[in-house]
Amino acid sequence: MARSALVISGGAPNATLVAGALVAFHELGIHFDVVSTAGAGALLGLMYLAPKNGDPVSTLRGLSEMGVADPLYQQFPVNFKVFNKPGIMADAYRQMLGMNPLFTQLKDWPAKDPLSQWLKDSAELALACTCPSDLNTSSTGLCAHVPFIEEIINFDAVPEIVPAFYVNAYNLSTRKMANWKQNEIDPLHLQAALSFPFIYPPTQIGDEYFIEGATIDCLNFKDLLKNHPDLEEIVVFDILGAERLLHPPRDLYDAWVMSLITPLVEIARDDVKIFEDRYKGNICLHKVPLLDSIPDEVLTEVFDWSRSNLNRLYDIGHAATTAWAKKHLAHLKK
């Protein structure tokens, strides 16, 4: 009988904020009967429950490696590690690099200090810039799909995940939301769950095409309650205040990211309001106060993919969730 659920919503730029929060749950021994995910939350949920190395703490902490060395990011504010060039030629180029032992050593280089991080990321940027691409007006997405999911997720362990685990994606062919359970999730299904329109092309599974479910349902409440009507409490990460996230953009890239994230945040907040009105008194909804924990002076940098920002968000998420969970979720310790 499922009594408690954790909802991990979309929002890749804030991923390390939520990663820190998940590590706090792990360290406190807090467990849930159900974990429901959407968008980037699907990746985070699998890193939490089925990490490749068996250690969710180091896996989630390592998410900061997606960040770009600060001096480099200031000059070129694009995350070339996550947003790869698309196309057959680009795939062949990356496959060729993967067979090069020097490239393998570069990827595995433990760059701990600012200088080594700058050197490593500069080398990776140079390789990314020389990558060919066949991007054109007929392309259905700007970027290749997220390249590293099989390096950090143990898909052999996914079917054995405890608790019940869900990932959503929107089926463009049937115009319905798909909600896959752990015994259905493989790399292709996770890719579908991360296929944010325009950034990534839709993912084909069989004869059907899928896009990221978070574009339609950030919190996946409907299917969660349909599958588990006996839930007594649900925990969500409160990153739902678009007015705090909005700011005069610093550049075109900042404006673009803000244009993508803000509507999702507002959709999620509306879903929470509808849920609270409908289930008030029946289900307890806990909101981990992540957004309120971010200092005002760094809000303008919250969407940055710089290493310093990703590390800072991780620390904020970890500290805020540790303090909050000790007060509100002690009864979920097992």
Protein backbone atom coordinates (compact mmCIF):
# COMPACT_ATOMS: atom_id res chain seq x y z
CA MET A 1 0.00 0.00 0.00
CA ALA A 2 1.58 3.26 -1.18
CA ARG A 3 1.28 6.09 1.32
CA SER A 4 4.04 8.55 0.32
CA ALA A 5 5.28 9.85 -3.04
CA LEU A 6 8.11 12.04 -4.24
CA VAL A 7 7.59 14.08 -7.41
CA ILE A 8 10.71 15.19 -9.31
CA SER A 9 9.75 17.70 -11.99
CA GLY A 10 11.54 19.06 -15.06
CA GLY A 11 14.02 21.93 -15.31
CA ALA A 12 17.55 20.96 -16.38
CA PRO A 13 19.31 24.25 -15.46
CA ASN A 14 18.24 23.70 -11.84
CA ALA A 15 19.28 20.03 -11.86
CA THR A 16 22.06 20.34 -9.28
CA LEU A 17 19.69 22.18 -6.92
CA VAL A 18 17.46 19.10 -6.90
CA ALA A 19 20.49 16.77 -6.89
CA GLY A 20 21.60 18.28 -3.59
CA ALA A 21 18.10 17.82 -2.21
CA LEU A 22 18.02 14.14 -3.21
CA VAL A 23 21.38 13.54 -1.56
CA ALA A 24 19.96 15.09 1.62
CA PHE A 25 17.06 12.59 1.53
CA HIS A 26 19.52 9.74 1.03
CA GLU A 27 21.76 10.82 3.89
CA LEU A 28 18.78 11.23 6.23
CA GLY A 29 17.45 7.78 5.33
CA ILE A 30 14.14 9.12 4.01
CA HIS A 31 12.28 6.73 1.71
CA PHE A 32 9.14 6.99 -0.41
CA ASP A 33 6.67 4.39 -1.64
CA VAL A 34 6.45 6.03 -5.08
CA VAL A 35 8.75 8.29 -7.11
CA SER A 36 7.16 10.03 -10.09
CA THR A 37 9.31 11.99 -12.55
CA ALA A 38 9.06 14.26 -15.58
CA GLY A 39 11.67 15.81 -17.88
CA ALA A 40 15.07 16.29 -16.28
CA GLY A 41 13.52 14.84 -13.12
CA ALA A 42 13.58 11.44 -14.85
CA LEU A 43 17.36 11.58 -15.18
CA LEU A 44 17.76 12.76 -11.59
CA GLY A 45 15.42 10.08 -10.28
CA LEU A 46 17.38 7.33 -12.02
CA MET A 47 20.71 8.75 -10.82
CA TYR A 48 19.19 8.62 -7.33
CA LEU A 49 17.77 5.09 -7.51
CA ALA A 50 19.88 3.27 -10.14
CA PRO A 51 23.32 4.93 -10.41
CA LYS A 52 25.86 3.19 -12.63
CA ASN A 53 28.49 3.09 -9.87
CA GLY A 54 26.00 2.06 -7.18
CA ASP A 55 26.56 5.28 -5.22
CA PRO A 56 23.80 7.91 -5.56
CA VAL A 57 25.76 10.50 -3.58
CA SER A 58 28.83 10.62 -5.83
CA THR A 59 26.64 10.29 -8.94
CA LEU A 60 24.40 13.21 -8.04
CA ARG A 61 27.33 15.27 -6.77
CA GLY A 62 29.12 14.60 -10.03
CA LEU A 63 26.32 16.31 -11.94
CA SER A 64 28.24 19.55 -11.37
CA GLU A 65 30.74 18.23 -13.92
CA MET A 66 28.17 19.24 -16.53
CA GLY A 67 29.19 22.81 -15.73
CA VAL A 68 31.71 24.82 -17.74
CA ALA A 69 34.77 26.45 -16.16
CA ASP A 70 33.79 29.98 -15.16
CA PRO A 71 36.33 31.97 -17.26
CA LEU A 72 35.33 29.94 -20.32
CA TYR A 73 31.61 30.27 -19.64
CA GLN A 74 31.91 34.03 -19.26
CA GLN A 75 33.35 34.25 -22.76
CA PHE A 76 31.13 31.57 -24.34
CA PRO A 77 27.94 31.05 -22.27
CA VAL A 78 26.75 27.81 -23.87
CA ASN A 79 26.89 24.35 -22.35
CA PHE A 80 28.61 22.39 -25.12
CA LYS A 81 28.75 19.34 -22.80
CA VAL A 82 24.97 18.91 -22.73
CA PHE A 83 23.94 20.49 -26.03
CA ASN A 84 25.83 18.52 -28.69
CA LYS A 85 25.69 19.03 -32.45
CA PRO A 86 23.18 16.74 -34.21
CA GLY A 87 23.43 14.53 -37.25
CA ILE A 88 25.04 11.38 -38.62
CA MET A 89 28.41 13.06 -39.14
CA ALA A 90 28.41 14.38 -35.57
CA ASP A 91 27.53 10.95 -34.18
CA ALA A 92 30.36 9.37 -36.17
CA TYR A 93 32.79 12.04 -34.95
CA ARG A 94 31.88 11.45 -31.30
CA GLN A 95 32.11 7.69 -31.79
CA MET A 96 35.59 8.14 -33.25
CA LEU A 97 36.61 10.29 -30.28
CA GLY A 98 35.27 7.65 -27.91
CA MET A 99 37.72 5.12 -29.33
CA ASN A 100 40.66 7.49 -28.82
CA PRO A 101 42.47 6.75 -25.52
CA LEU A 102 43.61 10.38 -25.23
CA PHE A 103 39.99 11.55 -25.32
CA THR A 104 39.05 8.94 -22.71
CA GLN A 105 41.81 10.21 -20.45
CA LEU A 106 40.59 13.78 -20.96
CA LYS A 107 37.03 12.86 -20.00
CA ASP A 108 38.20 10.98 -16.90
CA TRP A 109 40.69 13.67 -15.84
CA PRO A 110 39.73 14.66 -12.25
CA ALA A 111 39.96 18.43 -12.70
CA LYS A 112 39.62 19.71 -9.13
CA ASP A 113 41.17 23.19 -9.22
CA PRO A 114 40.08 26.16 -11.39
CA LEU A 115 43.13 25.98 -13.68
CA SER A 116 42.76 22.27 -14.49
CA GLN A 117 39.00 22.75 -14.99
CA TRP A 118 39.69 25.56 -17.45
CA LEU A 119 42.25 23.48 -19.34
CA LYS A 120 39.99 20.43 -19.49
CA ASP A 121 36.90 22.34 -20.55
CA SER A 122 38.86 24.38 -23.12
CA ALA A 123 40.05 21.15 -24.73
CA GLU A 124 36.51 19.76 -24.76
CA LEU A 125 35.20 23.00 -26.29
CA ALA A 126 37.82 22.82 -29.05
CA LEU A 127 36.73 19.26 -29.85
CA ALA A 128 33.07 20.29 -29.80
CA CYS A 129 33.75 23.18 -32.19
CA THR A 130 35.50 20.93 -34.71
CA CYS A 131 32.61 18.46 -34.68
CA PRO A 132 30.80 18.40 -38.05
CA SER A 133 27.02 18.70 -38.25
CA ASP A 134 24.26 18.43 -40.82
CA LEU A 135 21.87 20.76 -38.94
CA ASN A 136 19.58 22.44 -41.47
CA THR A 137 16.09 23.86 -41.86
CA SER A 138 14.68 20.33 -42.19
CA SER A 139 16.10 19.27 -38.81
CA THR A 140 13.56 18.60 -36.06
CA GLY A 141 15.83 19.62 -33.17
CA LEU A 142 18.85 21.80 -32.57
CA CYS A 143 20.89 19.23 -30.66
CA ALA A 144 21.75 15.57 -30.45
CA HIS A 145 20.06 13.74 -27.61
CA VAL A 146 21.74 13.79 -24.19
CA PRO A 147 24.90 11.74 -24.80
CA PHE A 148 25.87 10.44 -21.38
CA ILE A 149 22.83 8.72 -19.85
CA GLU A 150 24.22 5.19 -20.16
CA GLU A 151 27.45 6.29 -18.49
CA ILE A 152 25.68 7.26 -15.26
CA ILE A 153 22.56 5.04 -15.16
CA ASN A 154 22.58 1.27 -14.58
CA PHE A 155 19.68 0.28 -16.82
CA ASP A 156 20.05 -3.37 -15.80
CA ALA A 157 19.11 -2.30 -12.27
CA VAL A 158 16.19 -0.07 -13.26
CA PRO A 159 13.56 -2.87 -13.33
CA GLU A 160 14.52 -3.72 -9.73
CA ILE A 161 14.04 -0.19 -8.41
CA VAL A 162 12.18 0.07 -5.14
CA PRO A 163 9.94 2.14 -4.72
CA ALA A 164 7.45 2.23 -7.62
CA PHE A 165 9.02 4.52 -10.22
CA TYR A 166 7.46 6.41 -13.14
CA VAL A 167 8.71 8.47 -16.08
CA ASN A 168 6.31 10.38 -18.31
CA ALA A 169 6.54 11.37 -21.97
CA TYR A 170 3.99 12.79 -24.39
CA ASN A 171 3.03 10.59 -27.34
CA LEU A 172 2.74 12.83 -30.41
CA SER A 173 1.24 9.98 -32.45
CA THR A 174 -1.67 9.18 -30.10
CA ARG A 175 -1.78 12.64 -28.47
CA LYS A 176 -1.77 11.01 -25.05
CA MET A 177 0.61 11.01 -22.10
CA ALA A 178 2.66 7.86 -21.61
CA ASN A 179 3.67 6.95 -18.08
CA TRP A 180 6.29 4.21 -18.01
CA LYS A 181 7.06 2.13 -14.93
CA GLN A 182 10.55 0.87 -14.07
CA ASN A 183 10.16 -2.46 -15.87
CA GLU A 184 9.52 -0.55 -19.14
CA ILE A 185 12.33 2.02 -18.94
CA ASP A 186 15.42 1.61 -21.11
CA PRO A 187 17.79 4.22 -22.61
CA LEU A 188 15.40 4.94 -25.48
CA HIS A 189 12.45 5.59 -23.13
CA LEU A 190 14.59 7.91 -21.00
CA GLN A 191 15.70 9.70 -24.17
CA ALA A 192 12.03 10.17 -25.07
CA ALA A 193 11.34 11.61 -21.62
CA LEU A 194 14.14 14.16 -22.18
CA SER A 195 13.18 15.16 -25.76
CA PHE A 196 12.33 18.80 -25.11
CA PRO A 197 10.83 20.27 -28.32
CA PHE A 198 13.08 22.37 -30.56
CA ILE A 199 16.17 21.59 -28.47
CA TYR A 200 15.98 17.84 -29.12
CA PRO A 201 14.13 16.01 -31.92
CA PRO A 202 11.22 13.74 -30.96
CA THR A 203 12.21 10.20 -30.08
CA GLN A 204 10.78 7.36 -32.16
CA ILE A 205 9.80 4.17 -30.33
CA GLY A 206 8.30 1.67 -32.73
CA ASP A 207 5.98 3.63 -35.01
CA GLU A 208 5.29 6.38 -32.45
CA TYR A 209 7.01 9.67 -31.62
CA PHE A 210 7.49 11.12 -28.14
CA ILE A 211 8.53 14.43 -26.58
CA GLU A 212 9.33 15.39 -23.00
CA GLY A 213 6.32 14.89 -20.75
CA ALA A 214 7.18 17.94 -18.63
CA THR A 215 6.16 20.19 -21.52
CA ILE A 216 2.56 19.08 -20.89
CA ASP A 217 2.53 17.86 -17.28
CA CYS A 218 5.47 18.98 -15.14
CA LEU A 219 4.32 17.16 -12.02
CA ASN A 220 2.50 14.10 -13.39
CA PHE A 221 -0.18 14.37 -10.69
CA LYS A 222 -3.03 12.86 -12.73
CA ASP A 223 -1.49 9.46 -13.42
CA LEU A 224 0.19 9.37 -10.03
CA LEU A 225 -3.14 9.55 -8.23
CA LYS A 226 -4.84 7.25 -10.72
CA ASN A 227 -2.23 4.56 -10.11
CA HIS A 228 -2.00 5.16 -6.36
CA PRO A 229 -5.33 6.43 -5.01
CA ASP A 230 -4.32 5.51 -1.45
CA LEU A 231 -1.53 8.12 -1.22
CA GLU A 232 -1.57 10.12 2.00
CA GLU A 233 1.27 12.57 1.32
CA ILE A 234 3.21 13.88 -1.67
CA VAL A 235 6.54 15.73 -1.60
CA VAL A 236 7.43 18.19 -4.40
CA PHE A 237 10.42 20.49 -4.80
CA ASP A 238 9.19 24.07 -4.66
CA ILE A 239 10.88 25.84 -7.56
CA LEU A 240 7.55 27.28 -8.52
CA GLY A 241 7.95 31.07 -8.24
CA ALA A 242 8.45 32.48 -11.73
CA GLU A 243 8.42 36.07 -10.46
CA ARG A 244 11.65 35.40 -8.56
CA LEU A 245 13.24 33.79 -11.59
CA LEU A 246 12.42 36.62 -13.99
CA HIS A 247 15.05 39.30 -14.52
CA PRO A 248 16.35 41.53 -17.30
CA PRO A 249 18.36 39.06 -19.41
CA ARG A 250 22.12 39.54 -19.53
CA ASP A 251 22.43 38.21 -23.07
CA LEU A 252 20.53 36.34 -25.78
CA TYR A 253 21.28 32.93 -24.29
CA ASP A 254 20.00 33.98 -20.85
CA ALA A 255 16.82 35.31 -22.45
CA TRP A 256 16.32 32.07 -24.37
CA VAL A 257 16.73 29.82 -21.32
CA MET A 258 14.38 32.04 -19.30
CA SER A 259 11.77 31.83 -22.08
CA LEU A 260 11.88 28.01 -21.86
CA ILE A 261 11.88 27.57 -18.09
CA THR A 262 9.41 30.24 -16.98
CA PRO A 263 6.32 28.76 -18.70
CA LEU A 264 7.11 25.31 -17.24
CA VAL A 265 7.42 26.80 -13.77
CA GLU A 266 4.08 28.56 -14.12
CA ILE A 267 2.36 25.41 -15.44
CA ALA A 268 3.71 23.47 -12.48
CA ARG A 269 2.55 26.12 -10.02
CA ASP A 270 -0.95 26.09 -11.52
CA ASP A 271 -1.01 22.28 -11.26
CA VAL A 272 -0.11 22.55 -7.56
CA LYS A 273 -2.92 25.05 -6.95
CA ILE A 274 -5.46 22.79 -8.69
CA PHE A 275 -4.21 19.81 -6.71
CA GLU A 276 -4.44 21.68 -3.40
CA ASP A 277 -8.01 22.80 -4.14
CA ARG A 278 -9.14 19.34 -5.21
CA TYR A 279 -7.46 17.23 -2.51
CA LYS A 280 -7.33 19.63 0.42
CA GLY A 281 -7.77 17.70 3.64
CA ASN A 282 -7.29 14.31 1.95
CA ILE A 283 -3.65 14.34 0.86
CA CYS A 284 -0.86 16.27 2.55
CA LEU A 285 1.27 18.14 0.00
CA HIS A 286 4.79 18.98 1.22
CA LYS A 287 6.74 21.61 -0.72
CA VAL A 288 10.51 21.61 -0.16
CA PRO A 289 11.40 25.35 -0.22
CA LEU A 290 14.25 25.24 -2.73
CA LEU A 291 13.62 28.46 -4.64
CA ASP A 292 13.18 30.50 -1.46
CA SER A 293 16.57 29.24 -0.32
CA ILE A 294 18.40 30.90 -3.22
CA PRO A 295 19.75 34.34 -2.21
CA ASP A 296 18.37 37.27 -4.18
CA GLU A 297 21.84 38.35 -5.27
CA VAL A 298 22.46 35.15 -7.22
CA LEU A 299 19.03 34.74 -8.81
CA THR A 300 20.20 36.39 -12.02
CA GLU A 301 22.74 33.59 -12.40
CA VAL A 302 20.42 30.72 -11.52
CA PHE A 303 20.18 29.47 -15.13
CA ASP A 304 23.95 29.59 -15.72
CA TRP A 305 25.75 26.37 -16.62
CA SER A 306 28.99 27.57 -15.03
CA ARG A 307 30.75 25.21 -12.63
CA SER A 308 30.52 27.70 -9.78
CA ASN A 309 26.76 28.11 -10.19
CA LEU A 310 26.07 24.38 -10.44
CA ASN A 311 28.15 23.75 -7.31
CA ARG A 312 26.43 26.61 -5.49
CA LEU A 313 22.96 25.30 -6.39
CA TYR A 314 23.91 21.82 -5.21
CA ASP A 315 25.04 23.17 -1.83
CA ILE A 316 21.88 25.28 -1.49
CA GLY A 317 19.62 22.34 -2.32
CA HIS A 318 21.46 20.05 0.08
CA ALA A 319 21.48 22.47 3.01
CA ALA A 320 17.88 23.65 2.56
CA THR A 321 16.48 20.14 2.20
CA THR A 322 18.48 18.76 5.13
CA ALA A 323 17.12 21.42 7.48
CA TRP A 324 13.56 21.19 6.14
CA ALA A 325 13.34 17.38 6.01
CA LYS A 326 14.51 16.98 9.61
CA LYS A 327 11.46 19.00 10.67
CA HIS A 328 8.84 17.68 8.26
CA LEU A 329 9.77 14.20 7.01
CA ALA A 330 11.31 12.44 10.00
CA HIS A 331 8.39 9.98 9.96
CA LEU A 332 9.52 8.70 6.51
CA LYS A 333 12.88 7.45 7.80
CA LYS A 334 13.37 3.72 7.38
